[in-house]
Amino acid sequence: MKKSVVFLAVLGLVACSQQPKSGEVNFSVAVDTLEMDALRFYAVNYEVWSNPSDTGGLSLNIQSALSAGDAADTNRATDYLPAGDTLRGSFYHLSVPVSAGAAELDFTVTKIKHP
């Protein structure tokens, strides 16, 4: 199972309001900016949730690829999502300054299949 979203806005929000089917996940993602000292860069905040009726959790690969102008950055995480729970996190794209222009995000949540 692979779910992804791409958007071209500086600030964007995609949310799946329906409860996911058994064994699947839904996610929402928001692009924001963060300022540290003289550097202002993009932050990607996400929530991933699963169906409460699932009997087991899911192992997930989560990837955030952000580009703006000539700058690009990719962050990845592998995490475990217990059944019926919500996973919240953030990726900070330090290599993509806000001054590079409007951002394009490719955000992907992939279930890890275990043998």
PDB file of N, CA and C in Angstrom:
ATOM      1  N   MET A   1       0.844  -1.173   0.000  1.00  0.00           N
ATOM      2  CA  MET A   1       0.000   0.000   0.000  1.00  0.00           C
ATOM      3  C   MET A   1       0.885   1.230   0.000  1.00  0.00           C
ATOM      4  N   LYS A   2       0.588   2.158  -0.866  1.00  0.00           N
ATOM      5  CA  LYS A   2       1.339   3.403  -0.937  1.00  0.00           C
ATOM      6  C   LYS A   2       0.349   4.533  -1.106  1.00  0.00           C
ATOM      7  N   LYS A   3       0.496   5.546  -0.289  1.00  0.00           N
ATOM      8  CA  LYS A   3      -0.323   6.735  -0.415  1.00  0.00           C
ATOM      9  C   LYS A   3       0.632   7.908  -0.512  1.00  0.00           C
ATOM     10  N   SER A   4       0.341   8.857  -1.371  1.00  0.00           N
ATOM     11  CA  SER A   4       1.198  10.029  -1.462  1.00  0.00           C
ATOM     12  C   SER A   4       0.366  11.234  -1.860  1.00  0.00           C
ATOM     13  N   VAL A   5       0.947  12.393  -1.645  1.00  0.00           N
ATOM     14  CA  VAL A   5       0.287  13.635  -1.995  1.00  0.00           C
ATOM     15  C   VAL A   5       1.360  14.597  -2.503  1.00  0.00           C
ATOM     16  N   VAL A   6       1.031  15.374  -3.502  1.00  0.00           N
ATOM     17  CA  VAL A   6       1.950  16.372  -4.036  1.00  0.00           C
ATOM     18  C   VAL A   6       1.202  17.698  -4.072  1.00  0.00           C
ATOM     19  N   PHE A   7       1.835  18.753  -3.578  1.00  0.00           N
ATOM     20  CA  PHE A   7       1.232  20.060  -3.752  1.00  0.00           C
ATOM     21  C   PHE A   7       2.278  21.126  -3.993  1.00  0.00           C
ATOM     22  N   LEU A   8       1.836  22.250  -4.584  1.00  0.00           N
ATOM     23  CA  LEU A   8       2.735  23.301  -5.043  1.00  0.00           C
ATOM     24  C   LEU A   8       2.587  24.596  -4.256  1.00  0.00           C
ATOM     25  N   ALA A   9       2.016  24.562  -3.098  1.00  0.00           N
ATOM     26  CA  ALA A   9       1.756  25.784  -2.344  1.00  0.00           C
ATOM     27  C   ALA A   9       2.757  25.942  -1.207  1.00  0.00           C
ATOM     28  N   VAL A  10       2.962  27.173  -0.772  1.00  0.00           N
ATOM     29  CA  VAL A  10       3.818  27.423   0.379  1.00  0.00           C
ATOM     30  C   VAL A  10       3.179  26.826   1.623  1.00  0.00           C
ATOM     31  N   LEU A  11       1.918  27.044   1.793  1.00  0.00           N
ATOM     32  CA  LEU A  11       1.183  26.448   2.901  1.00  0.00           C
ATOM     33  C   LEU A  11       0.081  25.585   2.315  1.00  0.00           C
ATOM     34  N   GLY A  12      -0.007  24.369   2.774  1.00  0.00           N
ATOM     35  CA  GLY A  12      -1.037  23.480   2.248  1.00  0.00           C
ATOM     36  C   GLY A  12      -1.468  22.492   3.301  1.00  0.00           C
ATOM     37  N   LEU A  13      -2.651  21.944   3.125  1.00  0.00           N
ATOM     38  CA  LEU A  13      -3.155  20.950   4.053  1.00  0.00           C
ATOM     39  C   LEU A  13      -3.973  19.949   3.271  1.00  0.00           C
ATOM     40  N   VAL A  14      -3.657  18.675   3.486  1.00  0.00           N
ATOM     41  CA  VAL A  14      -4.430  17.603   2.886  1.00  0.00           C
ATOM     42  C   VAL A  14      -4.849  16.705   4.021  1.00  0.00           C
ATOM     43  N   ALA A  15      -6.112  16.400   4.108  1.00  0.00           N
ATOM     44  CA  ALA A  15      -6.586  15.552   5.199  1.00  0.00           C
ATOM     45  C   ALA A  15      -7.591  14.547   4.674  1.00  0.00           C
ATOM     46  N   CYS A  16      -7.473  13.359   5.165  1.00  0.00           N
ATOM     47  CA  CYS A  16      -8.460  12.321   4.872  1.00  0.00           C
ATOM     48  C   CYS A  16      -9.334  12.211   6.108  1.00  0.00           C
ATOM     49  N   SER A  17     -10.589  12.603   6.009  1.00  0.00           N
ATOM     50  CA  SER A  17     -11.445  12.642   7.185  1.00  0.00           C
ATOM     51  C   SER A  17     -12.122  11.314   7.455  1.00  0.00           C
ATOM     52  N   GLN A  18     -12.084  10.386   6.503  1.00  0.00           N
ATOM     53  CA  GLN A  18     -12.734   9.107   6.704  1.00  0.00           C
ATOM     54  C   GLN A  18     -11.847   8.182   7.519  1.00  0.00           C
ATOM     55  N   GLN A  19     -12.489   7.266   8.221  1.00  0.00           N
ATOM     56  CA  GLN A  19     -11.754   6.251   8.950  1.00  0.00           C
ATOM     57  C   GLN A  19     -11.158   5.285   7.929  1.00  0.00           C
ATOM     58  N   PRO A  20      -9.858   4.950   8.066  1.00  0.00           N
ATOM     59  CA  PRO A  20      -9.254   4.055   7.086  1.00  0.00           C
ATOM     60  C   PRO A  20      -9.823   2.646   7.169  1.00  0.00           C
ATOM     61  N   LYS A  21      -9.737   1.928   6.055  1.00  0.00           N
ATOM     62  CA  LYS A  21     -10.153   0.529   6.030  1.00  0.00           C
ATOM     63  C   LYS A  21      -9.162  -0.283   6.849  1.00  0.00           C
ATOM     64  N   SER A  22      -9.567  -1.468   7.234  1.00  0.00           N
ATOM     65  CA  SER A  22      -8.716  -2.351   8.016  1.00  0.00           C
ATOM     66  C   SER A  22      -7.386  -2.581   7.305  1.00  0.00           C
ATOM     67  N   GLY A  23      -6.282  -2.439   8.039  1.00  0.00           N
ATOM     68  CA  GLY A  23      -4.949  -2.652   7.493  1.00  0.00           C
ATOM     69  C   GLY A  23      -4.403  -1.482   6.707  1.00  0.00           C
ATOM     70  N   GLU A  24      -5.139  -0.378   6.636  1.00  0.00           N
ATOM     71  CA  GLU A  24      -4.688   0.798   5.909  1.00  0.00           C
ATOM     72  C   GLU A  24      -4.514   1.976   6.858  1.00  0.00           C
ATOM     73  N   VAL A  25      -3.896   3.032   6.346  1.00  0.00           N
ATOM     74  CA  VAL A  25      -3.699   4.248   7.122  1.00  0.00           C
ATOM     75  C   VAL A  25      -4.194   5.446   6.320  1.00  0.00           C
ATOM     76  N   ASN A  26      -4.546   6.488   7.016  1.00  0.00           N
ATOM     77  CA  ASN A  26      -4.825   7.790   6.418  1.00  0.00           C
ATOM     78  C   ASN A  26      -3.825   8.766   7.013  1.00  0.00           C
ATOM     79  N   PHE A  27      -3.624   9.867   6.328  1.00  0.00           N
ATOM     80  CA  PHE A  27      -2.700  10.861   6.870  1.00  0.00           C
ATOM     81  C   PHE A  27      -3.140  12.263   6.485  1.00  0.00           C
ATOM     82  N   SER A  28      -2.670  13.213   7.256  1.00  0.00           N
ATOM     83  CA  SER A  28      -2.815  14.628   6.924  1.00  0.00           C
ATOM     84  C   SER A  28      -1.427  15.235   7.011  1.00  0.00           C
ATOM     85  N   VAL A  29      -1.193  16.239   6.228  1.00  0.00           N
ATOM     86  CA  VAL A  29       0.118  16.873   6.199  1.00  0.00           C
ATOM     87  C   VAL A  29      -0.055  18.375   6.000  1.00  0.00           C
ATOM     88  N   ALA A  30       0.771  19.162   6.671  1.00  0.00           N
ATOM     89  CA  ALA A  30       0.733  20.617   6.552  1.00  0.00           C
ATOM     90  C   ALA A  30       2.155  21.138   6.405  1.00  0.00           C
ATOM     91  N   VAL A  31       2.347  22.035   5.449  1.00  0.00           N
ATOM     92  CA  VAL A  31       3.644  22.673   5.241  1.00  0.00           C
ATOM     93  C   VAL A  31       3.613  24.009   5.951  1.00  0.00           C
ATOM     94  N   ASP A  32       4.645  24.276   6.736  1.00  0.00           N
ATOM     95  CA  ASP A  32       4.739  25.512   7.497  1.00  0.00           C
ATOM     96  C   ASP A  32       6.160  26.044   7.345  1.00  0.00           C
ATOM     97  N   THR A  33       6.432  27.198   7.902  1.00  0.00           N
ATOM     98  CA  THR A  33       7.792  27.727   7.910  1.00  0.00           C
ATOM     99  C   THR A  33       8.272  27.833   9.350  1.00  0.00           C
ATOM    100  N   LEU A  34       9.584  27.779   9.506  1.00  0.00           N
ATOM    101  CA  LEU A  34      10.194  27.845  10.822  1.00  0.00           C
ATOM    102  C   LEU A  34      11.411  28.739  10.717  1.00  0.00           C
ATOM    103  N   GLU A  35      11.615  29.586  11.709  1.00  0.00           N
ATOM    104  CA  GLU A  35      12.752  30.499  11.696  1.00  0.00           C
ATOM    105  C   GLU A  35      13.685  30.173  12.849  1.00  0.00           C
ATOM    106  N   MET A  36      14.970  29.996  12.515  1.00  0.00           N
ATOM    107  CA  MET A  36      16.010  29.758  13.512  1.00  0.00           C
ATOM    108  C   MET A  36      17.168  30.679  13.211  1.00  0.00           C
ATOM    109  N   ASP A  37      17.473  31.573  14.146  1.00  0.00           N
ATOM    110  CA  ASP A  37      18.480  32.604  13.920  1.00  0.00           C
ATOM    111  C   ASP A  37      18.143  33.357  12.638  1.00  0.00           C
ATOM    112  N   ALA A  38      19.051  33.394  11.672  1.00  0.00           N
ATOM    113  CA  ALA A  38      18.806  34.129  10.431  1.00  0.00           C
ATOM    114  C   ALA A  38      18.248  33.232   9.334  1.00  0.00           C
ATOM    115  N   LEU A  39      18.088  31.960   9.608  1.00  0.00           N
ATOM    116  CA  LEU A  39      17.623  31.007   8.603  1.00  0.00           C
ATOM    117  C   LEU A  39      16.125  30.770   8.743  1.00  0.00           C
ATOM    118  N   ARG A  40      15.415  30.825   7.628  1.00  0.00           N
ATOM    119  CA  ARG A  40      13.984  30.530   7.609  1.00  0.00           C
ATOM    120  C   ARG A  40      13.775  29.410   6.594  1.00  0.00           C
ATOM    121  N   PHE A  41      13.242  28.296   7.059  1.00  0.00           N
ATOM    122  CA  PHE A  41      13.111  27.113   6.218  1.00  0.00           C
ATOM    123  C   PHE A  41      11.734  26.495   6.385  1.00  0.00           C
ATOM    124  N   TYR A  42      11.486  25.425   5.615  1.00  0.00           N
ATOM    125  CA  TYR A  42      10.188  24.761   5.624  1.00  0.00           C
ATOM    126  C   TYR A  42      10.147  23.627   6.651  1.00  0.00           C
ATOM    127  N   ALA A  43       8.973  23.471   7.259  1.00  0.00           N
ATOM    128  CA  ALA A  43       8.699  22.364   8.170  1.00  0.00           C
ATOM    129  C   ALA A  43       7.457  21.643   7.646  1.00  0.00           C
ATOM    130  N   VAL A  44       7.494  20.318   7.668  1.00  0.00           N
ATOM    131  CA  VAL A  44       6.360  19.503   7.242  1.00  0.00           C
ATOM    132  C   VAL A  44       5.852  18.753   8.468  1.00  0.00           C
ATOM    133  N   ASN A  45       4.642  19.065   8.892  1.00  0.00           N
ATOM    134  CA  ASN A  45       4.026  18.424  10.055  1.00  0.00           C
ATOM    135  C   ASN A  45       2.994  17.422   9.554  1.00  0.00           C
ATOM    136  N   TYR A  46       3.014  16.219  10.136  1.00  0.00           N
ATOM    137  CA  TYR A  46       2.112  15.184   9.647  1.00  0.00           C
ATOM    138  C   TYR A  46       1.469  14.413  10.784  1.00  0.00           C
ATOM    139  N   GLU A  47       0.319  13.809  10.455  1.00  0.00           N
ATOM    140  CA  GLU A  47      -0.385  12.865  11.324  1.00  0.00           C
ATOM    141  C   GLU A  47      -0.753  11.664  10.470  1.00  0.00           C
ATOM    142  N   VAL A  48      -0.519  10.481  10.996  1.00  0.00           N
ATOM    143  CA  VAL A  48      -0.894   9.234  10.325  1.00  0.00           C
ATOM    144  C   VAL A  48      -1.742   8.460  11.316  1.00  0.00           C
ATOM    145  N   TRP A  49      -2.899   7.937  10.874  1.00  0.00           N
ATOM    146  CA  TRP A  49      -3.740   7.180  11.788  1.00  0.00           C
ATOM    147  C   TRP A  49      -4.235   5.907  11.113  1.00  0.00           C
ATOM    148  N   SER A  50      -4.558   4.915  11.964  1.00  0.00           N
ATOM    149  CA  SER A  50      -5.004   3.614  11.464  1.00  0.00           C
ATOM    150  C   SER A  50      -6.400   3.300  11.983  1.00  0.00           C
ATOM    151  N   ASN A  51      -6.953   2.211  11.503  1.00  0.00           N
ATOM    152  CA  ASN A  51      -8.292   1.777  11.873  1.00  0.00           C
ATOM    153  C   ASN A  51      -8.268   1.196  13.292  1.00  0.00           C
ATOM    154  N   PRO A  52      -9.169   1.629  14.176  1.00  0.00           N
ATOM    155  CA  PRO A  52      -9.186   1.119  15.550  1.00  0.00           C
ATOM    156  C   PRO A  52      -9.576  -0.354  15.657  1.00  0.00           C
ATOM    157  N   SER A  53     -10.192  -0.916  14.623  1.00  0.00           N
ATOM    158  CA  SER A  53     -10.603  -2.319  14.695  1.00  0.00           C
ATOM    159  C   SER A  53      -9.499  -3.290  14.259  1.00  0.00           C
ATOM    160  N   ASP A  54      -8.358  -2.766  13.796  1.00  0.00           N
ATOM    161  CA  ASP A  54      -7.242  -3.643  13.421  1.00  0.00           C
ATOM    162  C   ASP A  54      -6.724  -4.371  14.655  1.00  0.00           C
ATOM    163  N   THR A  55      -6.304  -5.602  14.454  1.00  0.00           N
ATOM    164  CA  THR A  55      -5.804  -6.391  15.588  1.00  0.00           C
ATOM    165  C   THR A  55      -4.300  -6.221  15.785  1.00  0.00           C
ATOM    166  N   GLY A  56      -3.607  -5.760  14.778  1.00  0.00           N
ATOM    167  CA  GLY A  56      -2.163  -5.560  14.890  1.00  0.00           C
ATOM    168  C   GLY A  56      -1.784  -4.204  14.341  1.00  0.00           C
ATOM    169  N   GLY A  57      -0.604  -3.766  14.695  1.00  0.00           N
ATOM    170  CA  GLY A  57      -0.132  -2.475  14.216  1.00  0.00           C
ATOM    171  C   GLY A  57       0.514  -2.608  12.843  1.00  0.00           C
ATOM    172  N   LEU A  58       1.003  -1.485  12.358  1.00  0.00           N
ATOM    173  CA  LEU A  58       1.627  -1.423  11.042  1.00  0.00           C
ATOM    174  C   LEU A  58       3.000  -0.783  11.150  1.00  0.00           C
ATOM    175  N   SER A  59       3.969  -1.332  10.439  1.00  0.00           N
ATOM    176  CA  SER A  59       5.278  -0.694  10.288  1.00  0.00           C
ATOM    177  C   SER A  59       5.216   0.159   9.033  1.00  0.00           C
ATOM    178  N   LEU A  60       5.684   1.400   9.131  1.00  0.00           N
ATOM    179  CA  LEU A  60       5.547   2.363   8.041  1.00  0.00           C
ATOM    180  C   LEU A  60       6.870   3.010   7.665  1.00  0.00           C
ATOM    181  N   ASN A  61       7.041   3.270   6.381  1.00  0.00           N
ATOM    182  CA  ASN A  61       8.078   4.164   5.880  1.00  0.00           C
ATOM    183  C   ASN A  61       7.380   5.476   5.547  1.00  0.00           C
ATOM    184  N   ILE A  62       7.898   6.567   6.058  1.00  0.00           N
ATOM    185  CA  ILE A  62       7.321   7.884   5.811  1.00  0.00           C
ATOM    186  C   ILE A  62       8.406   8.727   5.164  1.00  0.00           C
ATOM    187  N   GLN A  63       8.073   9.359   4.038  1.00  0.00           N
ATOM    188  CA  GLN A  63       9.066  10.154   3.317  1.00  0.00           C
ATOM    189  C   GLN A  63       8.497  11.503   2.933  1.00  0.00           C
ATOM    190  N   SER A  64       9.309  12.517   3.091  1.00  0.00           N
ATOM    191  CA  SER A  64       8.948  13.878   2.732  1.00  0.00           C
ATOM    192  C   SER A  64      10.043  14.424   1.823  1.00  0.00           C
ATOM    193  N   ALA A  65       9.699  14.710   0.570  1.00  0.00           N
ATOM    194  CA  ALA A  65      10.639  15.306  -0.389  1.00  0.00           C
ATOM    195  C   ALA A  65      10.114  16.690  -0.739  1.00  0.00           C
ATOM    196  N   LEU A  66      10.899  17.714  -0.458  1.00  0.00           N
ATOM    197  CA  LEU A  66      10.469  19.092  -0.665  1.00  0.00           C
ATOM    198  C   LEU A  66      11.471  19.783  -1.578  1.00  0.00           C
ATOM    199  N   SER A  67      10.965  20.560  -2.522  1.00  0.00           N
ATOM    200  CA  SER A  67      11.846  21.325  -3.402  1.00  0.00           C
ATOM    201  C   SER A  67      11.249  22.707  -3.621  1.00  0.00           C
ATOM    202  N   ALA A  68      12.137  23.663  -3.818  1.00  0.00           N
ATOM    203  CA  ALA A  68      11.745  25.037  -4.123  1.00  0.00           C
ATOM    204  C   ALA A  68      12.906  25.656  -4.893  1.00  0.00           C
ATOM    205  N   GLY A  69      12.612  26.163  -6.063  1.00  0.00           N
ATOM    206  CA  GLY A  69      13.687  26.710  -6.891  1.00  0.00           C
ATOM    207  C   GLY A  69      14.720  25.634  -7.181  1.00  0.00           C
ATOM    208  N   ASP A  70      15.997  25.933  -6.916  1.00  0.00           N
ATOM    209  CA  ASP A  70      17.084  24.969  -7.129  1.00  0.00           C
ATOM    210  C   ASP A  70      17.381  24.138  -5.889  1.00  0.00           C
ATOM    211  N   ALA A  71      16.682  24.383  -4.796  1.00  0.00           N
ATOM    212  CA  ALA A  71      16.945  23.669  -3.535  1.00  0.00           C
ATOM    213  C   ALA A  71      16.010  22.476  -3.395  1.00  0.00           C
ATOM    214  N   ALA A  72      16.556  21.384  -2.848  1.00  0.00           N
ATOM    215  CA  ALA A  72      15.745  20.181  -2.623  1.00  0.00           C
ATOM    216  C   ALA A  72      16.273  19.452  -1.398  1.00  0.00           C
ATOM    217  N   ASP A  73      15.377  18.753  -0.718  1.00  0.00           N
ATOM    218  CA  ASP A  73      15.753  18.009   0.488  1.00  0.00           C
ATOM    219  C   ASP A  73      14.760  16.870   0.680  1.00  0.00           C
ATOM    220  N   THR A  74      15.254  15.739   1.172  1.00  0.00           N
ATOM    221  CA  THR A  74      14.409  14.583   1.444  1.00  0.00           C
ATOM    222  C   THR A  74      14.671  14.095   2.857  1.00  0.00           C
ATOM    223  N   ASN A  75      13.614  13.784   3.577  1.00  0.00           N
ATOM    224  CA  ASN A  75      13.714  13.203   4.917  1.00  0.00           C
ATOM    225  C   ASN A  75      12.879  11.939   4.955  1.00  0.00           C
ATOM    226  N   ARG A  76      13.363  10.937   5.721  1.00  0.00           N
ATOM    227  CA  ARG A  76      12.655   9.662   5.841  1.00  0.00           C
ATOM    228  C   ARG A  76      12.606   9.246   7.297  1.00  0.00           C
ATOM    229  N   ALA A  77      11.561   8.492   7.616  1.00  0.00           N
ATOM    230  CA  ALA A  77      11.436   7.904   8.951  1.00  0.00           C
ATOM    231  C   ALA A  77      10.776   6.540   8.801  1.00  0.00           C
ATOM    232  N   THR A  78      11.153   5.626   9.661  1.00  0.00           N
ATOM    233  CA  THR A  78      10.497   4.326   9.764  1.00  0.00           C
ATOM    234  C   THR A  78       9.924   4.262  11.166  1.00  0.00           C
ATOM    235  N   ASP A  79       8.640   3.943  11.274  1.00  0.00           N
ATOM    236  CA  ASP A  79       8.002   3.946  12.588  1.00  0.00           C
ATOM    237  C   ASP A  79       6.928   2.867  12.641  1.00  0.00           C
ATOM    238  N   TYR A  80       6.499   2.577  13.849  1.00  0.00           N
ATOM    239  CA  TYR A  80       5.456   1.594  14.102  1.00  0.00           C
ATOM    240  C   TYR A  80       4.192   2.325  14.540  1.00  0.00           C
ATOM    241  N   LEU A  81       3.070   1.987  13.936  1.00  0.00           N
ATOM    242  CA  LEU A  81       1.781   2.596  14.266  1.00  0.00           C
ATOM    243  C   LEU A  81       0.884   1.525  14.861  1.00  0.00           C
ATOM    244  N   PRO A  82       0.638   1.566  16.188  1.00  0.00           N
ATOM    245  CA  PRO A  82      -0.273   0.591  16.799  1.00  0.00           C
ATOM    246  C   PRO A  82      -1.687   0.742  16.239  1.00  0.00           C
ATOM    247  N   ALA A  83      -2.440  -0.340  16.240  1.00  0.00           N
ATOM    248  CA  ALA A  83      -3.811  -0.327  15.723  1.00  0.00           C
ATOM    249  C   ALA A  83      -4.642   0.741  16.427  1.00  0.00           C
ATOM    250  N   GLY A  84      -5.348   1.541  15.648  1.00  0.00           N
ATOM    251  CA  GLY A  84      -6.238   2.563  16.195  1.00  0.00           C
ATOM    252  C   GLY A  84      -5.542   3.767  16.775  1.00  0.00           C
ATOM    253  N   ASP A  85      -4.258   3.891  16.575  1.00  0.00           N
ATOM    254  CA  ASP A  85      -3.494   4.986  17.169  1.00  0.00           C
ATOM    255  C   ASP A  85      -3.195   6.057  16.121  1.00  0.00           C
ATOM    256  N   THR A  86      -2.630   7.171  16.580  1.00  0.00           N
ATOM    257  CA  THR A  86      -2.234   8.262  15.697  1.00  0.00           C
ATOM    258  C   THR A  86      -0.757   8.553  15.918  1.00  0.00           C
ATOM    259  N   LEU A  87      -0.047   8.684  14.828  1.00  0.00           N
ATOM    260  CA  LEU A  87       1.378   9.010  14.849  1.00  0.00           C
ATOM    261  C   LEU A  87       1.535  10.441  14.371  1.00  0.00           C
ATOM    262  N   ARG A  88       2.202  11.276  15.155  1.00  0.00           N
ATOM    263  CA  ARG A  88       2.425  12.672  14.786  1.00  0.00           C
ATOM    264  C   ARG A  88       3.923  12.923  14.691  1.00  0.00           C
ATOM    265  N   GLY A  89       4.313  13.719  13.710  1.00  0.00           N
ATOM    266  CA  GLY A  89       5.727  14.021  13.565  1.00  0.00           C
ATOM    267  C   GLY A  89       5.952  15.229  12.685  1.00  0.00           C
ATOM    268  N   SER A  90       7.228  15.590  12.563  1.00  0.00           N
ATOM    269  CA  SER A  90       7.625  16.731  11.737  1.00  0.00           C
ATOM    270  C   SER A  90       8.933  16.411  11.036  1.00  0.00           C
ATOM    271  N   PHE A  91       9.059  16.915   9.838  1.00  0.00           N
ATOM    272  CA  PHE A  91      10.321  16.892   9.101  1.00  0.00           C
ATOM    273  C   PHE A  91      10.735  18.342   8.892  1.00  0.00           C
ATOM    274  N   TYR A  92      12.011  18.640   9.112  1.00  0.00           N
ATOM    275  CA  TYR A  92      12.533  19.984   8.899  1.00  0.00           C
ATOM    276  C   TYR A  92      13.469  19.945   7.704  1.00  0.00           C
ATOM    277  N   HIS A  93      13.134  20.710   6.691  1.00  0.00           N
ATOM    278  CA  HIS A  93      13.914  20.733   5.454  1.00  0.00           C
ATOM    279  C   HIS A  93      14.866  21.933   5.501  1.00  0.00           C
ATOM    280  N   LEU A  94      15.990  21.745   6.167  1.00  0.00           N
ATOM    281  CA  LEU A  94      16.956  22.819   6.388  1.00  0.00           C
ATOM    282  C   LEU A  94      17.652  23.260   5.109  1.00  0.00           C
ATOM    283  N   SER A  95      17.696  22.396   4.106  1.00  0.00           N
ATOM    284  CA  SER A  95      18.368  22.718   2.843  1.00  0.00           C
ATOM    285  C   SER A  95      17.480  23.488   1.874  1.00  0.00           C
ATOM    286  N   VAL A  96      16.232  23.740   2.285  1.00  0.00           N
ATOM    287  CA  VAL A  96      15.295  24.457   1.413  1.00  0.00           C
ATOM    288  C   VAL A  96      14.852  25.738   2.127  1.00  0.00           C
ATOM    289  N   PRO A  97      15.566  26.836   1.894  1.00  0.00           N
ATOM    290  CA  PRO A  97      15.170  28.085   2.548  1.00  0.00           C
ATOM    291  C   PRO A  97      13.890  28.643   1.932  1.00  0.00           C
ATOM    292  N   VAL A  98      13.140  29.357   2.722  1.00  0.00           N
ATOM    293  CA  VAL A  98      11.903  29.966   2.246  1.00  0.00           C
ATOM    294  C   VAL A  98      12.201  30.943   1.110  1.00  0.00           C
ATOM    295  N   SER A  99      13.378  31.544   1.136  1.00  0.00           N
ATOM    296  CA  SER A  99      13.755  32.494   0.086  1.00  0.00           C
ATOM    297  C   SER A  99      13.888  31.832  -1.286  1.00  0.00           C
ATOM    298  N   ALA A 100      13.917  30.491  -1.355  1.00  0.00           N
ATOM    299  CA  ALA A 100      14.012  29.779  -2.631  1.00  0.00           C
ATOM    300  C   ALA A 100      12.698  29.814  -3.402  1.00  0.00           C
ATOM    301  N   GLY A 101      11.611  30.207  -2.747  1.00  0.00           N
ATOM    302  CA  GLY A 101      10.328  30.332  -3.435  1.00  0.00           C
ATOM    303  C   GLY A 101       9.299  29.330  -2.950  1.00  0.00           C
ATOM    304  N   ALA A 102       8.202  29.240  -3.693  1.00  0.00           N
ATOM    305  CA  ALA A 102       7.108  28.331  -3.339  1.00  0.00           C
ATOM    306  C   ALA A 102       7.597  26.892  -3.375  1.00  0.00           C
ATOM    307  N   ALA A 103       7.131  26.116  -2.423  1.00  0.00           N
ATOM    308  CA  ALA A 103       7.613  24.741  -2.265  1.00  0.00           C
ATOM    309  C   ALA A 103       6.702  23.739  -2.941  1.00  0.00           C
ATOM    310  N   GLU A 104       7.308  22.658  -3.416  1.00  0.00           N
ATOM    311  CA  GLU A 104       6.576  21.509  -3.945  1.00  0.00           C
ATOM    312  C   GLU A 104       6.900  20.331  -3.034  1.00  0.00           C
ATOM    313  N   LEU A 105       5.873  19.673  -2.524  1.00  0.00           N
ATOM    314  CA  LEU A 105       6.046  18.580  -1.576  1.00  0.00           C
ATOM    315  C   LEU A 105       5.554  17.277  -2.173  1.00  0.00           C
ATOM    316  N   ASP A 106       6.343  16.226  -1.997  1.00  0.00           N
ATOM    317  CA  ASP A 106       5.922  14.859  -2.297  1.00  0.00           C
ATOM    318  C   ASP A 106       6.015  14.110  -0.980  1.00  0.00           C
ATOM    319  N   PHE A 107       4.878  13.783  -0.387  1.00  0.00           N
ATOM    320  CA  PHE A 107       4.818  13.117   0.916  1.00  0.00           C
ATOM    321  C   PHE A 107       4.240  11.727   0.719  1.00  0.00           C
ATOM    322  N   THR A 108       4.953  10.708   1.203  1.00  0.00           N
ATOM    323  CA  THR A 108       4.552   9.328   0.954  1.00  0.00           C
ATOM    324  C   THR A 108       4.543   8.527   2.242  1.00  0.00           C
ATOM    325  N   VAL A 109       3.494   7.743   2.436  1.00  0.00           N
ATOM    326  CA  VAL A 109       3.401   6.792   3.541  1.00  0.00           C
ATOM    327  C   VAL A 109       3.256   5.408   2.920  1.00  0.00           C
ATOM    328  N   THR A 110       4.205   4.512   3.225  1.00  0.00           N
ATOM    329  CA  THR A 110       4.211   3.171   2.655  1.00  0.00           C
ATOM    330  C   THR A 110       4.245   2.148   3.768  1.00  0.00           C
ATOM    331  N   LYS A 111       3.366   1.166   3.676  1.00  0.00           N
ATOM    332  CA  LYS A 111       3.334   0.082   4.669  1.00  0.00           C
ATOM    333  C   LYS A 111       4.485  -0.879   4.368  1.00  0.00           C
ATOM    334  N   ILE A 112       5.222  -1.276   5.410  1.00  0.00           N
ATOM    335  CA  ILE A 112       6.312  -2.239   5.266  1.00  0.00           C
ATOM    336  C   ILE A 112       5.722  -3.631   5.382  1.00  0.00           C
ATOM    337  N   LYS A 113       5.976  -4.436   4.384  1.00  0.00           N
ATOM    338  CA  LYS A 113       5.452  -5.807   4.386  1.00  0.00           C
ATOM    339  C   LYS A 113       6.471  -6.711   5.053  1.00  0.00           C
ATOM    340  N   HIS A 114       6.019  -7.463   6.039  1.00  0.00           N
ATOM    341  CA  HIS A 114       6.883  -8.407   6.739  1.00  0.00           C
ATOM    342  C   HIS A 114       6.607  -9.807   6.201  1.00  0.00           C
ATOM    343  N   PRO A 115       7.668 -10.611   6.054  1.00  0.00           N
ATOM    344  CA  PRO A 115       7.469 -11.972   5.549  1.00  0.00           C
ATOM    345  C   PRO A 115       6.678 -12.856   6.486  1.00  0.00           C
TER     346      PRO A 115
END
